[in-house]
Protein backbone atom coordinates (compact mmCIF):
# COMPACT_ATOMS: atom_id res chain seq x y z
CA MET A 1 164.17 154.02 -127.93
CA PHE A 2 166.27 152.62 -130.68
CA LEU A 3 164.91 154.54 -133.64
CA ARG A 4 164.34 158.10 -132.54
CA LEU A 5 167.26 159.58 -134.38
CA LEU A 6 166.74 157.46 -137.49
CA CYS A 7 164.28 159.15 -138.84
CA PRO A 8 150.81 157.36 -133.53
CA LEU A 9 147.08 155.66 -129.58
CA LEU A 10 143.15 155.60 -131.32
CA LEU A 11 139.60 155.70 -130.03
CA ILE A 12 137.18 153.39 -131.73
CA SER A 13 134.80 156.31 -132.23
CA THR A 14 135.62 159.47 -134.16
CA SER A 15 134.83 161.79 -131.29
CA SER A 16 135.43 165.51 -131.30
CA ALA A 17 137.23 167.30 -128.49
CA ALA A 18 133.91 168.00 -126.78
CA ASP A 19 133.26 164.23 -126.69
CA LEU A 20 136.50 163.28 -124.94
CA GLU A 21 135.83 161.18 -121.90
CA LEU A 22 138.13 159.74 -119.30
CA ILE A 23 139.66 156.43 -120.35
CA ARG A 24 139.96 153.69 -117.75
CA VAL A 25 140.59 149.96 -117.48
CA SER A 26 137.45 147.87 -118.02
CA ASP A 27 135.70 146.26 -115.07
CA GLN A 28 137.12 142.94 -116.27
CA GLY A 29 140.61 144.45 -116.07
CA THR A 30 141.50 143.31 -119.57
CA HIS A 31 141.07 146.31 -121.91
CA PHE A 32 140.39 150.06 -122.07
CA VAL A 33 136.96 151.68 -122.12
CA GLY A 34 135.42 155.11 -121.95
CA ALA A 35 134.62 155.80 -118.32
CA GLU A 36 131.00 156.72 -119.05
CA SER A 37 130.18 155.11 -122.40
CA GLU A 38 132.18 151.91 -121.75
CA ARG A 39 133.08 151.84 -125.44
CA THR A 40 136.25 149.91 -126.18
CA PHE A 41 139.31 152.09 -126.58
CA ILE A 42 142.12 150.97 -128.91
CA VAL A 43 145.43 152.79 -128.86
CA TRP A 44 146.81 153.93 -132.25
CA GLY A 45 149.10 156.90 -131.87
CA VAL A 46 152.48 158.57 -131.95
CA ASN A 47 155.44 159.42 -129.82
CA TYR A 48 156.00 163.18 -130.11
CA ASP A 49 159.31 163.30 -128.28
CA HIS A 50 161.36 165.61 -130.49
CA ASP A 51 161.15 167.49 -133.78
CA PHE A 52 162.71 166.50 -137.09
CA GLU A 53 165.98 168.17 -136.10
CA GLY A 54 166.18 166.38 -132.75
CA LEU A 55 165.02 169.25 -130.52
CA LEU A 56 163.07 168.13 -127.47
CA LEU A 57 159.57 169.48 -126.88
CA GLU A 58 160.62 171.86 -124.10
CA ASP A 59 163.35 173.26 -126.36
CA TYR A 60 160.81 174.85 -128.71
CA TRP A 61 157.35 174.88 -127.13
CA HIS A 62 157.75 178.45 -125.84
CA ASP A 63 159.18 180.11 -128.94
CA GLN A 64 157.40 177.93 -131.52
CA TRP A 65 154.03 177.33 -129.90
CA GLU A 66 152.09 177.47 -133.17
CA THR A 67 154.32 174.70 -134.49
CA VAL A 68 153.24 172.48 -131.59
CA VAL A 69 149.57 173.29 -132.17
CA GLY A 70 149.95 172.55 -135.87
CA ASP A 71 151.71 169.28 -135.16
CA PHE A 72 148.82 168.14 -132.95
CA ARG A 73 146.37 168.86 -135.78
CA GLU A 74 148.55 166.91 -138.20
CA ILE A 75 148.71 163.98 -135.77
CA LYS A 76 144.93 164.00 -135.52
CA ASP A 77 144.68 164.03 -139.32
CA LEU A 78 146.68 160.78 -139.39
CA GLY A 79 143.84 159.05 -137.55
CA SER A 80 145.60 159.04 -134.19
CA ASN A 81 143.94 159.45 -130.83
CA VAL A 82 146.85 159.64 -128.35
CA VAL A 83 150.12 161.53 -128.33
CA ARG A 84 152.96 160.35 -126.15
CA ILE A 85 154.95 163.32 -124.91
CA HIS A 86 158.25 163.09 -123.03
CA LEU A 87 158.86 165.54 -120.20
CA GLN A 88 162.42 166.24 -119.06
CA PHE A 89 163.03 166.26 -115.31
CA ALA A 90 165.34 169.28 -115.40
CA LYS A 91 162.78 171.38 -117.29
CA PHE A 92 160.21 170.95 -114.53
CA MET A 93 162.35 170.93 -111.37
CA ASP A 94 164.75 173.82 -110.64
CA ALA A 95 165.73 172.21 -107.34
CA PRO A 96 164.69 169.06 -105.44
CA ASP A 97 161.73 170.91 -103.92
CA GLU A 98 161.32 173.78 -106.41
CA PRO A 99 159.14 173.15 -109.49
CA ASN A 100 159.53 175.25 -112.63
CA THR A 101 156.23 177.16 -112.84
CA LYS A 102 156.88 178.45 -116.37
CA ASN A 103 157.00 174.97 -117.87
CA LEU A 104 154.15 173.71 -115.71
CA LYS A 105 152.00 176.50 -117.17
CA GLN A 106 153.11 175.49 -120.66
CA LEU A 107 152.12 171.90 -119.93
CA ALA A 108 148.67 173.15 -118.91
CA LYS A 109 148.43 174.89 -122.30
CA LEU A 110 149.38 171.67 -124.05
CA VAL A 111 146.70 169.74 -122.16
CA GLN A 112 144.18 172.34 -123.36
CA VAL A 113 145.38 171.90 -126.95
CA ALA A 114 144.91 168.14 -126.60
CA GLU A 115 141.35 168.71 -125.38
CA GLU A 116 140.60 171.07 -128.25
CA THR A 117 142.15 168.76 -130.84
CA GLY A 118 140.47 165.63 -129.52
CA LEU A 119 143.69 163.82 -128.63
CA TYR A 120 144.69 161.98 -125.47
CA LEU A 121 148.10 162.39 -123.82
CA ASP A 122 150.42 159.64 -122.69
CA ILE A 123 152.59 161.75 -120.37
CA THR A 124 156.01 160.15 -119.94
CA GLY A 125 158.18 161.81 -117.33
CA LEU A 126 161.59 162.05 -115.66
CA GLY A 127 163.43 162.27 -118.98
CA CYS A 128 167.16 163.03 -119.02
CA TYR A 129 167.52 162.62 -122.78
CA HIS A 130 170.06 165.45 -123.17
CA LYS A 131 172.80 164.67 -120.70
CA GLN A 132 174.17 168.20 -120.90
CA ASP A 133 170.86 169.55 -119.52
CA VAL A 134 170.88 167.37 -116.41
CA PRO A 135 171.82 169.53 -113.36
CA LYS A 136 174.82 168.51 -111.31
CA TRP A 137 172.76 168.49 -108.11
CA TYR A 138 170.47 165.83 -109.59
CA ASP A 139 173.35 163.60 -110.69
CA GLU A 140 174.98 163.84 -107.27
CA MET A 141 171.91 162.83 -105.29
CA SER A 142 171.71 159.59 -103.37
CA GLU A 143 169.14 157.03 -104.46
CA THR A 144 166.72 158.10 -101.72
CA GLU A 145 167.14 161.79 -102.54
CA ARG A 146 166.70 161.14 -106.24
CA TRP A 147 163.50 159.14 -105.73
CA ASN A 148 162.15 161.93 -103.50
CA ALA A 149 162.83 164.49 -106.23
CA GLN A 150 161.20 162.23 -108.81
CA ALA A 151 158.15 161.87 -106.60
CA ARG A 152 157.89 165.66 -106.27
CA PHE A 153 158.14 165.96 -110.08
CA TRP A 154 155.17 163.62 -110.50
CA THR A 155 153.07 165.35 -107.85
CA GLU A 156 153.53 168.66 -109.66
CA ILE A 157 152.72 167.15 -113.08
CA ALA A 158 149.61 165.46 -111.69
CA LYS A 159 148.41 168.73 -110.14
CA VAL A 160 148.35 170.24 -113.63
CA CYS A 161 146.70 167.26 -115.32
CA GLN A 162 144.39 165.81 -112.67
CA SER A 163 141.07 167.17 -113.98
CA SER A 164 141.54 166.81 -117.74
CA PRO A 165 139.75 164.06 -119.69
CA ALA A 166 142.48 164.39 -122.34
CA VAL A 167 145.07 162.64 -120.15
CA PHE A 168 145.30 158.98 -121.12
CA CYS A 169 147.98 158.01 -118.64
CA TYR A 170 151.16 158.83 -116.76
CA ASP A 171 154.21 156.79 -117.78
CA LEU A 172 156.62 156.99 -114.84
CA MET A 173 159.86 156.80 -116.86
CA ASN A 174 160.99 155.71 -120.28
CA GLU A 175 162.83 152.38 -120.14
CA PRO A 176 164.11 152.26 -116.54
CA ILE A 177 166.68 149.63 -115.65
CA ILE A 178 168.39 148.39 -112.50
CA GLY A 179 172.15 148.12 -112.11
CA GLY A 180 174.88 147.66 -114.68
CA ALA A 181 176.24 151.18 -114.15
CA ASN A 182 179.44 152.31 -115.79
CA PRO A 183 181.31 155.05 -113.89
CA GLU A 184 181.32 157.33 -116.93
CA ASP A 185 177.58 156.92 -117.46
CA GLY A 186 176.23 157.24 -113.94
CA TRP A 187 172.44 157.25 -113.92
CA LEU A 188 172.16 157.19 -117.72
CA ALA A 189 172.73 154.07 -119.78
CA GLY A 190 174.24 154.37 -123.22
CA GLU A 191 173.76 157.05 -125.83
CA LEU A 192 172.07 157.19 -129.22
CA GLY A 193 172.48 160.17 -131.52
CA GLY A 194 173.24 162.48 -128.63
CA LYS A 195 170.31 161.30 -126.51
CA HIS A 196 170.01 159.01 -123.50
CA PHE A 197 166.68 157.16 -123.49
CA VAL A 198 167.49 154.54 -120.85
CA GLN A 199 167.90 155.45 -117.17
CA ARG A 200 168.86 153.61 -114.00
CA ILE A 201 166.73 153.84 -110.89
CA THR A 202 169.61 152.76 -108.67
CA LEU A 203 173.40 152.75 -108.95
CA THR A 204 173.91 150.42 -106.00
CA PRO A 205 171.58 147.43 -106.18
CA GLY A 206 174.08 145.35 -104.24
CA ASP A 207 172.54 142.18 -102.87
CA ARG A 208 169.04 143.66 -102.81
CA ASP A 209 166.31 141.79 -104.67
CA ARG A 210 165.66 143.43 -108.06
CA LYS A 211 161.92 142.99 -107.72
CA ALA A 212 161.94 144.66 -104.31
CA ILE A 213 163.85 147.65 -105.72
CA ALA A 214 161.49 148.02 -108.69
CA LYS A 215 158.40 147.67 -106.51
CA ALA A 216 159.63 150.25 -103.99
CA TRP A 217 160.36 152.75 -106.78
CA ILE A 218 157.00 152.21 -108.50
CA THR A 219 155.14 152.49 -105.18
CA LYS A 220 156.98 155.71 -104.31
CA LEU A 221 156.05 157.42 -107.58
CA THR A 222 152.50 156.11 -107.93
CA THR A 223 151.78 157.22 -104.36
CA ALA A 224 153.04 160.71 -105.25
CA ILE A 225 150.60 160.85 -108.18
CA ARG A 226 147.67 159.35 -106.28
CA LYS A 227 147.95 162.06 -103.62
CA VAL A 228 146.44 164.48 -106.13
CA ASP A 229 145.04 162.33 -108.97
CA GLN A 230 143.07 159.16 -108.33
CA GLN A 231 141.53 158.77 -111.78
CA HIS A 232 144.13 158.68 -114.54
CA MET A 233 145.99 155.48 -115.38
CA ILE A 234 149.67 154.86 -114.61
CA THR A 235 152.20 152.63 -116.38
CA VAL A 236 155.92 152.25 -117.12
CA GLY A 237 157.22 151.86 -120.68
CA VAL A 238 159.84 149.12 -120.66
CA ILE A 239 162.38 147.36 -122.84
CA PRO A 240 161.01 143.86 -123.57
CA TRP A 241 163.99 141.80 -122.47
CA ALA A 242 162.10 138.67 -123.53
CA HIS A 243 162.74 139.83 -127.09
CA THR A 244 166.49 139.45 -126.42
CA TRP A 245 166.44 136.55 -123.97
CA PRO A 246 163.42 134.25 -124.54
CA ASN A 247 163.43 133.08 -120.90
CA ALA A 248 163.35 136.62 -119.48
CA LYS A 249 160.32 137.55 -117.40
CA PRO A 250 158.77 140.98 -116.79
CA LEU A 251 160.37 142.95 -113.98
CA PHE A 252 158.54 146.25 -113.66
CA HIS A 253 155.37 144.54 -114.90
CA ASP A 254 155.73 141.47 -112.74
CA PRO A 255 152.25 140.94 -111.20
CA ASP A 256 153.57 141.66 -107.71
CA VAL A 257 156.04 144.42 -108.58
CA GLY A 258 153.58 146.35 -110.75
CA GLN A 259 150.49 146.01 -108.59
CA SER A 260 149.90 149.77 -108.62
CA LEU A 261 150.28 150.02 -112.42
CA ASP A 262 147.11 149.97 -114.52
CA PHE A 263 148.43 148.47 -117.74
CA VAL A 264 151.53 147.08 -119.42
CA ALA A 265 153.55 149.20 -121.87
CA VAL A 266 156.40 147.66 -123.88
CA HIS A 267 158.57 148.87 -126.77
CA PHE A 268 158.94 146.61 -129.83
CA TYR A 269 160.92 146.78 -133.06
CA PRO A 270 160.33 143.46 -134.88
CA GLU A 271 163.32 142.10 -136.77
CA LYS A 272 163.41 141.04 -140.41
CA GLY A 273 162.23 137.46 -140.77
CA LYS A 274 161.55 137.16 -137.03
CA VAL A 275 157.92 138.18 -136.54
CA ASP A 276 157.23 134.92 -134.71
CA LYS A 277 160.00 135.75 -132.24
CA ALA A 278 158.56 139.22 -131.58
CA LEU A 279 155.08 137.79 -131.05
CA ALA A 280 156.38 135.20 -128.60
CA ALA A 281 158.19 137.92 -126.66
CA LEU A 282 155.10 140.14 -126.61
CA LYS A 283 153.04 137.24 -125.26
CA VAL A 284 155.30 137.19 -122.18
CA TYR A 285 153.82 140.56 -121.20
CA GLU A 286 150.22 139.32 -121.42
CA ILE A 287 149.59 139.17 -117.65
CA GLY A 288 145.84 139.90 -117.44
CA LYS A 289 146.10 143.67 -117.82
CA PRO A 290 145.66 145.82 -120.95
CA LEU A 291 148.80 145.60 -123.09
CA VAL A 292 150.13 148.45 -125.27
CA VAL A 293 153.07 148.42 -127.67
CA GLU A 294 154.15 151.94 -126.72
CA GLU A 295 156.89 152.18 -129.35
CA MET A 296 156.88 150.52 -132.76
CA PHE A 297 158.53 151.18 -136.12
CA PRO A 298 160.01 149.25 -139.10
CA LEU A 299 163.54 149.93 -137.90
CA LYS A 300 164.79 146.38 -138.37
CA SER A 301 162.13 144.99 -140.70
CA SER A 302 159.79 145.94 -143.55
CA ILE A 303 156.51 147.78 -143.16
CA GLU A 304 154.78 144.57 -144.28
CA GLU A 305 156.36 142.63 -141.43
CA VAL A 306 155.36 145.25 -138.86
CA ASP A 307 151.82 145.09 -140.27
CA GLU A 308 151.91 141.31 -139.80
CA PHE A 309 153.09 141.86 -136.21
CA VAL A 310 150.12 144.18 -135.62
CA ASP A 311 147.54 141.90 -137.21
CA ARG A 312 148.71 138.78 -135.41
CA SER A 313 148.89 140.49 -131.99
CA ARG A 314 145.62 142.43 -132.10
CA SER A 315 143.68 139.64 -130.38
CA PHE A 316 145.61 140.19 -127.14
CA THR A 317 146.99 143.74 -127.52
CA ASP A 318 145.16 146.99 -126.83
CA GLY A 319 147.08 149.44 -128.98
CA TYR A 320 150.22 150.59 -130.72
CA VAL A 321 152.27 153.78 -130.70
CA SER A 322 154.65 154.89 -133.45
CA PHE A 323 156.41 158.23 -134.05
CA TYR A 324 155.72 161.69 -135.46
CA TRP A 325 158.41 164.37 -135.63
CA GLY A 326 156.69 167.44 -137.02
CA LYS A 327 156.63 166.72 -140.76
CA THR A 328 153.59 165.62 -142.75
CA ILE A 329 153.64 162.81 -145.31
CA GLU A 330 154.11 165.36 -148.07
CA GLU A 331 156.90 167.22 -146.26
CA ASN A 332 158.73 163.99 -145.58
CA ALA A 333 158.40 162.87 -149.20
CA LYS A 334 159.88 166.15 -150.44
CA SER A 335 162.89 166.00 -148.13
CA GLY A 336 164.94 164.06 -150.64
CA ASP A 337 166.70 161.84 -148.09
CA PHE A 338 166.29 158.31 -146.76
CA LYS A 339 164.93 159.41 -143.41
CA GLY A 340 162.17 161.47 -145.03
CA ALA A 341 161.30 158.81 -147.57
CA LEU A 342 161.03 156.15 -144.85
CA MET A 343 158.85 158.35 -142.66
CA ALA A 344 156.59 159.25 -145.61
CA LYS A 345 155.94 155.60 -146.45
CA TRP A 346 155.43 154.70 -142.79
CA LEU A 347 152.98 157.54 -142.11
CA GLU A 348 151.05 156.58 -145.26
CA TYR A 349 150.72 153.08 -143.84
CA TRP A 350 149.77 154.43 -140.41
CA ALA A 351 146.98 156.64 -141.78
CA SER A 352 145.65 153.92 -144.10
CA LYS A 353 145.59 151.36 -141.27
CA ALA A 354 143.63 153.63 -138.93
CA PRO A 355 140.11 152.89 -140.27
CA GLU A 356 140.69 149.14 -140.03
CA ILE A 357 141.80 149.50 -136.41
CA LYS A 358 138.94 151.87 -135.63
CA ASN A 359 136.36 149.47 -136.95
CA ASN A 360 138.09 146.53 -135.28
CA GLU A 361 138.03 144.59 -138.56
């Protein structure tokens, strides 16, 4: 997640909370629909992963609950329909087989707020964004032990969320990778502004086939969810390596590897003067399933170029997700710094674009 420290998903209808219905993949397997109405569902939303000061959701959702509720209302006012939240493994598991009931109860409250606000949740899990919060016992686990603990995490999350129509999907992990471990990094890859957004699923790939590793991991975690929740969609949000290497092919969303995933989620930051390149890379992930750009922002290009990226990809893409960090357009504009000014202009664009997306113009 390249931009988080630098500085929203949308239903075609304008339904109230009482009108929320389960979202599923269409019978054709190509786009999203309401489970009962079968109305097309287009994603237009925000990542709500930390606040403006960089605090993660679990760092403030107990002491500043009204802030969270207010933020959800503000996100709705922007014309959004889905909020992507990022749950940290260590905040929900006190031990490999011991879930944290306090935070699970808080998650249940957040699901209720989503229902009341009329927003859907993209629930991304297994975060280790603050390395200092990751318990030693988790870092020292073997691959098998770690996957077992991750599976238990997802079973507990799914128990809380299984019956709510406000859950859009479960995203197994943000930007997982295989191999390339540095001894000083361990399971976490790189660092950006004090946060680690990329995580390895194995430290010892050895001679094993990368697709076999990815498929085994996905199957392990999706099975853990499906034990208690058979209705909500599952995906994995990935780095689009085809944007870096044009010949790269999907790994986690390879048709065989990702058989148990319901749709494709990729993270894109188009570069200045290279919209064609970004579109070509995005096309690589068009594999016959719904396709969502789960992260997007004018980090390396202008707002106009990102708008061009959206318009030219809408024919084969089912939604886009940007960022919201707890400040309104007005609050950002008054901040007096570059970060606030950029966010103000971007959120103005995001809100103004919403009606066009809603009406599928």
